């Protein structure tokens, strides 16, 4: 604990959603990993949703960021060629590590 606030190991991920028929989607990319409080993780999550690179070759024209009821973010971007590129950005904290149990 630091200053009475629990610090955890956090990971922020982005999952690509299927964008057209036949597209499987589902690829998950790790955007960041860090130690911090829940409040720090929430700020980092929103920042990632606003600034993450959605597509390497996407010349982004517009980005819509929605906060979902579960606290994750839905990011939709459209590029110069049209069509939407959609990602779900989530944060999770580490609750168990097998390596820590083996070392203990």
PDB file of N, CA and C in Angstrom:
ATOM      1  N   UNK A   1       0.837  -1.181   0.000  1.00  0.00           N
ATOM      2  CA  UNK A   1       0.000   0.000   0.000  1.00  0.00           C
ATOM      3  C   UNK A   1       0.880   1.241   0.000  1.00  0.00           C
ATOM      4  N   UNK A   2       0.425   2.257  -0.698  1.00  0.00           N
ATOM      5  CA  UNK A   2       1.140   3.516  -0.715  1.00  0.00           C
ATOM      6  C   UNK A   2       0.138   4.609  -0.387  1.00  0.00           C
ATOM      7  N   UNK A   3       0.373   5.377   0.671  1.00  0.00           N
ATOM      8  CA  UNK A   3      -0.539   6.431   1.112  1.00  0.00           C
ATOM      9  C   UNK A   3      -1.958   5.912   1.303  1.00  0.00           C
ATOM     10  N   UNK A   4      -2.101   4.678   1.793  1.00  0.00           N
ATOM     11  CA  UNK A   4      -3.422   4.131   2.041  1.00  0.00           C
ATOM     12  C   UNK A   4      -4.172   3.705   0.798  1.00  0.00           C
ATOM     13  N   UNK A   5      -3.516   3.701  -0.360  1.00  0.00           N
ATOM     14  CA  UNK A   5      -4.163   3.339  -1.617  1.00  0.00           C
ATOM     15  C   UNK A   5      -3.500   2.077  -2.167  1.00  0.00           C
ATOM     16  N   UNK A   6      -4.304   1.095  -2.541  1.00  0.00           N
ATOM     17  CA  UNK A   6      -3.757  -0.153  -3.083  1.00  0.00           C
ATOM     18  C   UNK A   6      -3.163   0.073  -4.470  1.00  0.00           C
ATOM     19  N   UNK A   7      -1.966  -0.452  -4.652  1.00  0.00           N
ATOM     20  CA  UNK A   7      -1.322  -0.422  -5.961  1.00  0.00           C
ATOM     21  C   UNK A   7      -1.325  -1.845  -6.505  1.00  0.00           C
ATOM     22  N   UNK A   8      -1.607  -1.964  -7.793  1.00  0.00           N
ATOM     23  CA  UNK A   8      -1.682  -3.262  -8.452  1.00  0.00           C
ATOM     24  C   UNK A   8      -0.850  -3.224  -9.727  1.00  0.00           C
ATOM     25  N   UNK A   9      -0.628  -4.394 -10.267  1.00  0.00           N
ATOM     26  CA  UNK A   9      -0.015  -4.534 -11.588  1.00  0.00           C
ATOM     27  C   UNK A   9      -1.166  -4.505 -12.590  1.00  0.00           C
ATOM     28  N   UNK A  10      -1.131  -3.580 -13.538  1.00  0.00           N
ATOM     29  CA  UNK A  10      -2.203  -3.383 -14.513  1.00  0.00           C
ATOM     30  C   UNK A  10      -1.740  -3.696 -15.925  1.00  0.00           C
ATOM     31  N   UNK A  11      -2.679  -4.087 -16.763  1.00  0.00           N
ATOM     32  CA  UNK A  11      -2.444  -4.264 -18.196  1.00  0.00           C
ATOM     33  C   UNK A  11      -3.604  -3.601 -18.943  1.00  0.00           C
ATOM     34  N   UNK A  12      -3.281  -2.889 -20.001  1.00  0.00           N
ATOM     35  CA  UNK A  12      -4.298  -2.283 -20.865  1.00  0.00           C
ATOM     36  C   UNK A  12      -4.186  -2.949 -22.222  1.00  0.00           C
ATOM     37  N   UNK A  13      -5.315  -3.473 -22.705  1.00  0.00           N
ATOM     38  CA  UNK A  13      -5.339  -4.191 -23.979  1.00  0.00           C
ATOM     39  C   UNK A  13      -6.375  -3.583 -24.921  1.00  0.00           C
ATOM     40  N   UNK A  14      -6.181  -3.848 -26.204  1.00  0.00           N
ATOM     41  CA  UNK A  14      -7.144  -3.458 -27.227  1.00  0.00           C
ATOM     42  C   UNK A  14      -7.476  -4.691 -28.052  1.00  0.00           C
ATOM     43  N   UNK A  15      -8.761  -4.974 -28.177  1.00  0.00           N
ATOM     44  CA  UNK A  15      -9.223  -6.110 -28.971  1.00  0.00           C
ATOM     45  C   UNK A  15      -9.859  -5.598 -30.255  1.00  0.00           C
ATOM     46  N   UNK A  16      -9.382  -6.114 -31.375  1.00  0.00           N
ATOM     47  CA  UNK A  16      -9.948  -5.724 -32.672  1.00  0.00           C
ATOM     48  C   UNK A  16     -11.230  -6.502 -32.896  1.00  0.00           C
ATOM     49  N   UNK A  17     -12.305  -5.793 -33.207  1.00  0.00           N
ATOM     50  CA  UNK A  17     -13.578  -6.439 -33.483  1.00  0.00           C
ATOM     51  C   UNK A  17     -13.709  -6.710 -34.973  1.00  0.00           C
ATOM     52  N   UNK A  18     -14.489  -7.717 -35.323  1.00  0.00           N
ATOM     53  CA  UNK A  18     -14.745  -8.032 -36.733  1.00  0.00           C
ATOM     54  C   UNK A  18     -15.386  -6.819 -37.392  1.00  0.00           C
ATOM     55  N   UNK A  19     -14.895  -6.467 -38.583  1.00  0.00           N
ATOM     56  CA  UNK A  19     -15.366  -5.255 -39.250  1.00  0.00           C
ATOM     57  C   UNK A  19     -16.207  -5.532 -40.485  1.00  0.00           C
ATOM     58  N   UNK A  20     -16.211  -6.776 -40.932  1.00  0.00           N
ATOM     59  CA  UNK A  20     -17.043  -7.137 -42.087  1.00  0.00           C
ATOM     60  C   UNK A  20     -17.258  -8.641 -42.070  1.00  0.00           C
ATOM     61  N   UNK A  21     -18.192  -9.116 -42.863  1.00  0.00           N
ATOM     62  CA  UNK A  21     -18.498 -10.543 -42.932  1.00  0.00           C
ATOM     63  C   UNK A  21     -17.241 -11.323 -43.308  1.00  0.00           C
ATOM     64  N   UNK A  22     -16.948 -12.360 -42.556  1.00  0.00           N
ATOM     65  CA  UNK A  22     -15.770 -13.182 -42.822  1.00  0.00           C
ATOM     66  C   UNK A  22     -14.533 -12.741 -42.067  1.00  0.00           C
ATOM     67  N   UNK A  23     -14.600 -11.586 -41.410  1.00  0.00           N
ATOM     68  CA  UNK A  23     -13.480 -11.086 -40.615  1.00  0.00           C
ATOM     69  C   UNK A  23     -13.640 -11.635 -39.200  1.00  0.00           C
ATOM     70  N   UNK A  24     -12.663 -12.402 -38.744  1.00  0.00           N
ATOM     71  CA  UNK A  24     -12.754 -13.014 -37.425  1.00  0.00           C
ATOM     72  C   UNK A  24     -12.592 -12.015 -36.278  1.00  0.00           C
ATOM     73  N   UNK A  25     -11.796 -10.977 -36.486  1.00  0.00           N
ATOM     74  CA  UNK A  25     -11.528 -10.060 -35.380  1.00  0.00           C
ATOM     75  C   UNK A  25     -10.860 -10.818 -34.244  1.00  0.00           C
ATOM     76  N   UNK A  26     -10.970 -10.304 -33.046  1.00  0.00           N
ATOM     77  CA  UNK A  26     -10.511 -11.013 -31.868  1.00  0.00           C
ATOM     78  C   UNK A  26      -9.038 -10.894 -31.534  1.00  0.00           C
ATOM     79  N   UNK A  27      -8.220 -10.290 -32.374  1.00  0.00           N
ATOM     80  CA  UNK A  27      -6.813 -10.135 -32.030  1.00  0.00           C
ATOM     81  C   UNK A  27      -6.686  -9.146 -30.885  1.00  0.00           C
ATOM     82  N   UNK A  28      -5.890  -9.506 -29.869  1.00  0.00           N
ATOM     83  CA  UNK A  28      -5.711  -8.652 -28.702  1.00  0.00           C
ATOM     84  C   UNK A  28      -4.271  -8.147 -28.673  1.00  0.00           C
ATOM     85  N   UNK A  29      -4.134  -6.846 -28.502  1.00  0.00           N
ATOM     86  CA  UNK A  29      -2.823  -6.187 -28.448  1.00  0.00           C
ATOM     87  C   UNK A  29      -2.631  -5.576 -27.064  1.00  0.00           C
ATOM     88  N   UNK A  30      -1.477  -5.784 -26.468  1.00  0.00           N
ATOM     89  CA  UNK A  30      -1.158  -5.137 -25.195  1.00  0.00           C
ATOM     90  C   UNK A  30      -0.677  -3.718 -25.487  1.00  0.00           C
ATOM     91  N   UNK A  31      -1.357  -2.736 -24.897  1.00  0.00           N
ATOM     92  CA  UNK A  31      -0.981  -1.341 -25.092  1.00  0.00           C
ATOM     93  C   UNK A  31      -0.004  -0.861 -24.030  1.00  0.00           C
ATOM     94  N   UNK A  32      -0.187  -1.337 -22.773  1.00  0.00           N
ATOM     95  CA  UNK A  32       0.750  -0.960 -21.717  1.00  0.00           C
ATOM     96  C   UNK A  32       0.585  -1.876 -20.510  1.00  0.00           C
ATOM     97  N   UNK A  33       1.620  -1.912 -19.683  1.00  0.00           N
ATOM     98  CA  UNK A  33       1.621  -2.619 -18.398  1.00  0.00           C
ATOM     99  C   UNK A  33       2.327  -1.713 -17.413  1.00  0.00           C
ATOM    100  N   UNK A  34       1.767  -1.612 -16.184  1.00  0.00           N
ATOM    101  CA  UNK A  34       2.339  -0.701 -15.204  1.00  0.00           C
ATOM    102  C   UNK A  34       1.822  -1.019 -13.810  1.00  0.00           C
ATOM    103  N   UNK A  35       2.502  -0.463 -12.799  1.00  0.00           N
ATOM    104  CA  UNK A  35       2.065  -0.529 -11.402  1.00  0.00           C
ATOM    105  C   UNK A  35       1.318   0.761 -11.114  1.00  0.00           C
ATOM    106  N   UNK A  36       0.173   0.656 -10.440  1.00  0.00           N
ATOM    107  CA  UNK A  36      -0.548   1.875 -10.106  1.00  0.00           C
ATOM    108  C   UNK A  36      -1.836   1.607  -9.364  1.00  0.00           C
ATOM    109  N   UNK A  37      -2.522   2.677  -9.051  1.00  0.00           N
ATOM    110  CA  UNK A  37      -3.810   2.601  -8.367  1.00  0.00           C
ATOM    111  C   UNK A  37      -4.923   2.431  -9.401  1.00  0.00           C
ATOM    112  N   UNK A  38      -6.111   2.136  -8.932  1.00  0.00           N
ATOM    113  CA  UNK A  38      -7.268   2.020  -9.822  1.00  0.00           C
ATOM    114  C   UNK A  38      -7.510   3.348 -10.563  1.00  0.00           C
ATOM    115  N   UNK A  39      -7.384   4.451  -9.857  1.00  0.00           N
ATOM    116  CA  UNK A  39      -7.595   5.763 -10.476  1.00  0.00           C
ATOM    117  C   UNK A  39      -6.570   6.020 -11.579  1.00  0.00           C
ATOM    118  N   UNK A  40      -5.312   5.646 -11.324  1.00  0.00           N
ATOM    119  CA  UNK A  40      -4.281   5.805 -12.358  1.00  0.00           C
ATOM    120  C   UNK A  40      -4.590   4.926 -13.563  1.00  0.00           C
ATOM    121  N   UNK A  41      -5.085   3.725 -13.311  1.00  0.00           N
ATOM    122  CA  UNK A  41      -5.434   2.818 -14.406  1.00  0.00           C
ATOM    123  C   UNK A  41      -6.602   3.368 -15.222  1.00  0.00           C
ATOM    124  N   UNK A  42      -7.583   3.953 -14.555  1.00  0.00           N
ATOM    125  CA  UNK A  42      -8.722   4.524 -15.274  1.00  0.00           C
ATOM    126  C   UNK A  42      -8.292   5.679 -16.166  1.00  0.00           C
ATOM    127  N   UNK A  43      -7.386   6.515 -15.666  1.00  0.00           N
ATOM    128  CA  UNK A  43      -6.864   7.623 -16.483  1.00  0.00           C
ATOM    129  C   UNK A  43      -6.060   7.092 -17.671  1.00  0.00           C
ATOM    130  N   UNK A  44      -5.214   6.094 -17.422  1.00  0.00           N
ATOM    131  CA  UNK A  44      -4.407   5.512 -18.501  1.00  0.00           C
ATOM    132  C   UNK A  44      -5.288   4.845 -19.551  1.00  0.00           C
ATOM    133  N   UNK A  45      -6.366   4.217 -19.110  1.00  0.00           N
ATOM    134  CA  UNK A  45      -7.291   3.559 -20.029  1.00  0.00           C
ATOM    135  C   UNK A  45      -7.954   4.572 -20.955  1.00  0.00           C
ATOM    136  N   UNK A  46      -8.459   5.652 -20.390  1.00  0.00           N
ATOM    137  CA  UNK A  46      -9.102   6.681 -21.226  1.00  0.00           C
ATOM    138  C   UNK A  46      -8.094   7.302 -22.189  1.00  0.00           C
ATOM    139  N   UNK A  47      -6.891   7.575 -21.699  1.00  0.00           N
ATOM    140  CA  UNK A  47      -5.841   8.143 -22.558  1.00  0.00           C
ATOM    141  C   UNK A  47      -5.521   7.191 -23.709  1.00  0.00           C
ATOM    142  N   UNK A  48      -5.423   5.897 -23.423  1.00  0.00           N
ATOM    143  CA  UNK A  48      -5.146   4.909 -24.479  1.00  0.00           C
ATOM    144  C   UNK A  48      -6.255   4.904 -25.514  1.00  0.00           C
ATOM    145  N   UNK A  49      -7.508   4.983 -25.077  1.00  0.00           N
ATOM    146  CA  UNK A  49      -8.633   4.987 -26.011  1.00  0.00           C
ATOM    147  C   UNK A  49      -8.590   6.206 -26.921  1.00  0.00           C
ATOM    148  N   UNK A  50      -8.134   7.317 -26.408  1.00  0.00           N
ATOM    149  CA  UNK A  50      -8.082   8.547 -27.203  1.00  0.00           C
ATOM    150  C   UNK A  50      -6.893   8.604 -28.156  1.00  0.00           C
ATOM    151  N   UNK A  51      -5.794   7.908 -27.816  1.00  0.00           N
ATOM    152  CA  UNK A  51      -4.547   8.116 -28.568  1.00  0.00           C
ATOM    153  C   UNK A  51      -3.975   6.882 -29.254  1.00  0.00           C
ATOM    154  N   UNK A  52      -4.490   5.681 -28.966  1.00  0.00           N
ATOM    155  CA  UNK A  52      -3.901   4.467 -29.536  1.00  0.00           C
ATOM    156  C   UNK A  52      -3.916   4.506 -31.069  1.00  0.00           C
ATOM    157  N   UNK A  53      -2.957   3.834 -31.668  1.00  0.00           N
ATOM    158  CA  UNK A  53      -2.909   3.699 -33.126  1.00  0.00           C
ATOM    159  C   UNK A  53      -3.817   2.545 -33.497  1.00  0.00           C
ATOM    160  N   UNK A  54      -4.863   2.839 -34.261  1.00  0.00           N
ATOM    161  CA  UNK A  54      -5.863   1.824 -34.601  1.00  0.00           C
ATOM    162  C   UNK A  54      -5.422   0.989 -35.790  1.00  0.00           C
ATOM    163  N   UNK A  55      -4.805   1.588 -36.760  1.00  0.00           N
ATOM    164  CA  UNK A  55      -4.328   0.856 -37.931  1.00  0.00           C
ATOM    165  C   UNK A  55      -3.067   1.493 -38.455  1.00  0.00           C
ATOM    166  N   UNK A  56      -2.093   0.672 -38.790  1.00  0.00           N
ATOM    167  CA  UNK A  56      -0.800   1.183 -39.254  1.00  0.00           C
ATOM    168  C   UNK A  56      -0.945   2.080 -40.475  1.00  0.00           C
ATOM    169  N   UNK A  57      -1.801   1.669 -41.405  1.00  0.00           N
ATOM    170  CA  UNK A  57      -1.940   2.415 -42.653  1.00  0.00           C
ATOM    171  C   UNK A  57      -3.203   3.261 -42.702  1.00  0.00           C
ATOM    172  N   UNK A  58      -3.924   3.336 -41.599  1.00  0.00           N
ATOM    173  CA  UNK A  58      -5.157   4.105 -41.551  1.00  0.00           C
ATOM    174  C   UNK A  58      -4.844   5.596 -41.458  1.00  0.00           C
ATOM    175  N   UNK A  59      -5.316   6.343 -42.439  1.00  0.00           N
ATOM    176  CA  UNK A  59      -5.207   7.794 -42.364  1.00  0.00           C
ATOM    177  C   UNK A  59      -6.492   8.271 -41.684  1.00  0.00           C
ATOM    178  N   UNK A  60      -6.429   8.323 -40.363  1.00  0.00           N
ATOM    179  CA  UNK A  60      -7.613   8.557 -39.547  1.00  0.00           C
ATOM    180  C   UNK A  60      -8.235   9.924 -39.815  1.00  0.00           C
ATOM    181  N   UNK A  61      -9.544   9.915 -40.067  1.00  0.00           N
ATOM    182  CA  UNK A  61     -10.298  11.149 -40.265  1.00  0.00           C
ATOM    183  C   UNK A  61     -11.168  11.484 -39.066  1.00  0.00           C
ATOM    184  N   UNK A  62     -11.650  10.441 -38.398  1.00  0.00           N
ATOM    185  CA  UNK A  62     -12.552  10.665 -37.271  1.00  0.00           C
ATOM    186  C   UNK A  62     -12.413   9.530 -36.269  1.00  0.00           C
ATOM    187  N   UNK A  63     -12.506   9.871 -34.967  1.00  0.00           N
ATOM    188  CA  UNK A  63     -12.446   8.877 -33.897  1.00  0.00           C
ATOM    189  C   UNK A  63     -13.604   9.140 -32.947  1.00  0.00           C
ATOM    190  N   UNK A  64     -14.361   8.094 -32.652  1.00  0.00           N
ATOM    191  CA  UNK A  64     -15.429   8.149 -31.664  1.00  0.00           C
ATOM    192  C   UNK A  64     -15.015   7.255 -30.509  1.00  0.00           C
ATOM    193  N   UNK A  65     -15.080   7.776 -29.292  1.00  0.00           N
ATOM    194  CA  UNK A  65     -14.703   7.003 -28.107  1.00  0.00           C
ATOM    195  C   UNK A  65     -15.925   6.935 -27.200  1.00  0.00           C
ATOM    196  N   UNK A  66     -16.394   5.719 -26.939  1.00  0.00           N
ATOM    197  CA  UNK A  66     -17.545   5.482 -26.072  1.00  0.00           C
ATOM    198  C   UNK A  66     -17.072   4.791 -24.803  1.00  0.00           C
ATOM    199  N   UNK A  67     -17.552   5.255 -23.659  1.00  0.00           N
ATOM    200  CA  UNK A  67     -17.309   4.536 -22.407  1.00  0.00           C
ATOM    201  C   UNK A  67     -18.463   3.565 -22.225  1.00  0.00           C
ATOM    202  N   UNK A  68     -18.137   2.286 -22.074  1.00  0.00           N
ATOM    203  CA  UNK A  68     -19.163   1.257 -21.920  1.00  0.00           C
ATOM    204  C   UNK A  68     -19.537   1.112 -20.447  1.00  0.00           C
ATOM    205  N   UNK A  69     -20.679   0.496 -20.196  1.00  0.00           N
ATOM    206  CA  UNK A  69     -21.200   0.342 -18.841  1.00  0.00           C
ATOM    207  C   UNK A  69     -20.206  -0.381 -17.929  1.00  0.00           C
ATOM    208  N   UNK A  70     -19.435  -1.336 -18.482  1.00  0.00           N
ATOM    209  CA  UNK A  70     -18.482  -2.098 -17.664  1.00  0.00           C
ATOM    210  C   UNK A  70     -17.169  -1.351 -17.416  1.00  0.00           C
ATOM    211  N   UNK A  71     -17.038  -0.118 -17.930  1.00  0.00           N
ATOM    212  CA  UNK A  71     -15.833   0.681 -17.719  1.00  0.00           C
ATOM    213  C   UNK A  71     -14.818   0.587 -18.840  1.00  0.00           C
ATOM    214  N   UNK A  72     -15.024  -0.326 -19.791  1.00  0.00           N
ATOM    215  CA  UNK A  72     -14.128  -0.401 -20.947  1.00  0.00           C
ATOM    216  C   UNK A  72     -14.532   0.687 -21.948  1.00  0.00           C
ATOM    217  N   UNK A  73     -13.731   0.828 -22.993  1.00  0.00           N
ATOM    218  CA  UNK A  73     -14.020   1.832 -24.020  1.00  0.00           C
ATOM    219  C   UNK A  73     -14.164   1.159 -25.376  1.00  0.00           C
ATOM    220  N   UNK A  74     -15.115   1.656 -26.153  1.00  0.00           N
ATOM    221  CA  UNK A  74     -15.289   1.236 -27.538  1.00  0.00           C
ATOM    222  C   UNK A  74     -14.752   2.373 -28.399  1.00  0.00           C
ATOM    223  N   UNK A  75     -13.777   2.069 -29.238  1.00  0.00           N
ATOM    224  CA  UNK A  75     -13.138   3.075 -30.089  1.00  0.00           C
ATOM    225  C   UNK A  75     -13.473   2.751 -31.533  1.00  0.00           C
ATOM    226  N   UNK A  76     -14.063   3.714 -32.232  1.00  0.00           N
ATOM    227  CA  UNK A  76     -14.386   3.534 -33.654  1.00  0.00           C
ATOM    228  C   UNK A  76     -13.694   4.638 -34.444  1.00  0.00           C
ATOM    229  N   UNK A  77     -12.924   4.241 -35.440  1.00  0.00           N
ATOM    230  CA  UNK A  77     -12.213   5.192 -36.282  1.00  0.00           C
ATOM    231  C   UNK A  77     -12.576   4.951 -37.737  1.00  0.00           C
ATOM    232  N   UNK A  78     -12.647   6.015 -38.487  1.00  0.00           N
ATOM    233  CA  UNK A  78     -12.828   5.899 -39.925  1.00  0.00           C
ATOM    234  C   UNK A  78     -11.655   6.601 -40.593  1.00  0.00           C
ATOM    235  N   UNK A  79     -11.277   6.062 -41.728  1.00  0.00           N
ATOM    236  CA  UNK A  79     -10.145   6.609 -42.458  1.00  0.00           C
ATOM    237  C   UNK A  79     -10.563   7.287 -43.746  1.00  0.00           C
ATOM    238  N   UNK A  80      -9.593   7.704 -44.489  1.00  0.00           N
ATOM    239  CA  UNK A  80      -9.813   8.413 -45.751  1.00  0.00           C
ATOM    240  C   UNK A  80     -10.600   7.565 -46.739  1.00  0.00           C
ATOM    241  N   UNK A  81     -10.398   6.237 -46.673  1.00  0.00           N
ATOM    242  CA  UNK A  81     -11.063   5.332 -47.611  1.00  0.00           C
ATOM    243  C   UNK A  81     -12.434   4.875 -47.114  1.00  0.00           C
ATOM    244  N   UNK A  82     -12.871   5.361 -45.945  1.00  0.00           N
ATOM    245  CA  UNK A  82     -14.175   4.989 -45.402  1.00  0.00           C
ATOM    246  C   UNK A  82     -14.099   3.711 -44.594  1.00  0.00           C
ATOM    247  N   UNK A  83     -15.233   3.236 -44.134  1.00  0.00           N
ATOM    248  CA  UNK A  83     -15.288   2.041 -43.303  1.00  0.00           C
ATOM    249  C   UNK A  83     -14.855   2.351 -41.885  1.00  0.00           C
ATOM    250  N   UNK A  84     -15.335   1.548 -40.963  1.00  0.00           N
ATOM    251  CA  UNK A  84     -15.007   1.745 -39.550  1.00  0.00           C
ATOM    252  C   UNK A  84     -14.041   0.680 -39.070  1.00  0.00           C
ATOM    253  N   UNK A  85     -13.139   1.069 -38.215  1.00  0.00           N
ATOM    254  CA  UNK A  85     -12.191   0.180 -37.546  1.00  0.00           C
ATOM    255  C   UNK A  85     -12.519   0.274 -36.064  1.00  0.00           C
ATOM    256  N   UNK A  86     -12.872  -0.849 -35.449  1.00  0.00           N
ATOM    257  CA  UNK A  86     -13.402  -0.826 -34.091  1.00  0.00           C
ATOM    258  C   UNK A  86     -12.519  -1.635 -33.144  1.00  0.00           C
ATOM    259  N   UNK A  87     -12.259  -1.068 -31.965  1.00  0.00           N
ATOM    260  CA  UNK A  87     -11.471  -1.727 -30.932  1.00  0.00           C
ATOM    261  C   UNK A  87     -12.193  -1.583 -29.594  1.00  0.00           C
ATOM    262  N   UNK A  88     -12.053  -2.592 -28.733  1.00  0.00           N
ATOM    263  CA  UNK A  88     -12.496  -2.490 -27.349  1.00  0.00           C
ATOM    264  C   UNK A  88     -11.233  -2.401 -26.503  1.00  0.00           C
ATOM    265  N   UNK A  89     -11.122  -1.338 -25.711  1.00  0.00           N
ATOM    266  CA  UNK A  89      -9.946  -1.097 -24.888  1.00  0.00           C
ATOM    267  C   UNK A  89     -10.326  -1.365 -23.435  1.00  0.00           C
ATOM    268  N   UNK A  90      -9.562  -2.242 -22.783  1.00  0.00           N
ATOM    269  CA  UNK A  90      -9.873  -2.669 -21.419  1.00  0.00           C
ATOM    270  C   UNK A  90      -8.643  -2.571 -20.528  1.00  0.00           C
ATOM    271  N   UNK A  91      -8.912  -2.450 -19.214  1.00  0.00           N
ATOM    272  CA  UNK A  91      -7.855  -2.518 -18.211  1.00  0.00           C
ATOM    273  C   UNK A  91      -8.175  -3.670 -17.267  1.00  0.00           C
ATOM    274  N   UNK A  92      -7.133  -4.341 -16.806  1.00  0.00           N
ATOM    275  CA  UNK A  92      -7.297  -5.428 -15.839  1.00  0.00           C
ATOM    276  C   UNK A  92      -6.120  -5.396 -14.885  1.00  0.00           C
ATOM    277  N   UNK A  93      -6.376  -5.778 -13.625  1.00  0.00           N
ATOM    278  CA  UNK A  93      -5.260  -5.859 -12.690  1.00  0.00           C
ATOM    279  C   UNK A  93      -4.970  -7.320 -12.367  1.00  0.00           C
ATOM    280  N   UNK A  94      -3.702  -7.575 -12.096  1.00  0.00           N
ATOM    281  CA  UNK A  94      -3.213  -8.922 -11.820  1.00  0.00           C
ATOM    282  C   UNK A  94      -3.762  -9.400 -10.485  1.00  0.00           C
ATOM    283  N   UNK A  95      -4.366 -10.588 -10.481  1.00  0.00           N
ATOM    284  CA  UNK A  95      -4.889 -11.152  -9.231  1.00  0.00           C
ATOM    285  C   UNK A  95      -4.135 -12.397  -8.784  1.00  0.00           C
ATOM    286  N   UNK A  96      -3.362 -13.011  -9.681  1.00  0.00           N
ATOM    287  CA  UNK A  96      -2.600 -14.195  -9.315  1.00  0.00           C
ATOM    288  C   UNK A  96      -1.473 -14.395 -10.316  1.00  0.00           C
ATOM    289  N   UNK A  97      -0.317 -14.832  -9.822  1.00  0.00           N
ATOM    290  CA  UNK A  97       0.857 -15.092 -10.656  1.00  0.00           C
ATOM    291  C   UNK A  97       1.480 -16.399 -10.190  1.00  0.00           C
ATOM    292  N   UNK A  98       1.496 -17.402 -11.039  1.00  0.00           N
ATOM    293  CA  UNK A  98       2.027 -18.721 -10.651  1.00  0.00           C
ATOM    294  C   UNK A  98       3.502 -18.636 -10.284  1.00  0.00           C
ATOM    295  N   UNK A  99       4.241 -17.724 -10.899  1.00  0.00           N
ATOM    296  CA  UNK A  99       5.660 -17.602 -10.591  1.00  0.00           C
ATOM    297  C   UNK A  99       5.862 -17.112  -9.151  1.00  0.00           C
ATOM    298  N   UNK A 100       4.989 -16.264  -8.670  1.00  0.00           N
ATOM    299  CA  UNK A 100       5.095 -15.761  -7.298  1.00  0.00           C
ATOM    300  C   UNK A 100       4.812 -16.892  -6.307  1.00  0.00           C
ATOM    301  N   UNK A 101       3.879 -17.773  -6.649  1.00  0.00           N
ATOM    302  CA  UNK A 101       3.558 -18.904  -5.769  1.00  0.00           C
ATOM    303  C   UNK A 101       4.721 -19.893  -5.705  1.00  0.00           C
ATOM    304  N   UNK A 102       5.370 -20.133  -6.852  1.00  0.00           N
ATOM    305  CA  UNK A 102       6.503 -21.060  -6.892  1.00  0.00           C
ATOM    306  C   UNK A 102       7.691 -20.535  -6.118  1.00  0.00           C
ATOM    307  N   UNK A 103       7.885 -19.199  -6.135  1.00  0.00           N
ATOM    308  CA  UNK A 103       9.013 -18.580  -5.438  1.00  0.00           C
ATOM    309  C   UNK A 103       8.793 -18.518  -3.923  1.00  0.00           C
ATOM    310  N   UNK A 104       7.506 -18.537  -3.496  1.00  0.00           N
ATOM    311  CA  UNK A 104       7.154 -18.359  -2.084  1.00  0.00           C
ATOM    312  C   UNK A 104       7.405 -19.543  -1.279  1.00  0.00           C
TER     313      UNK A 104
END
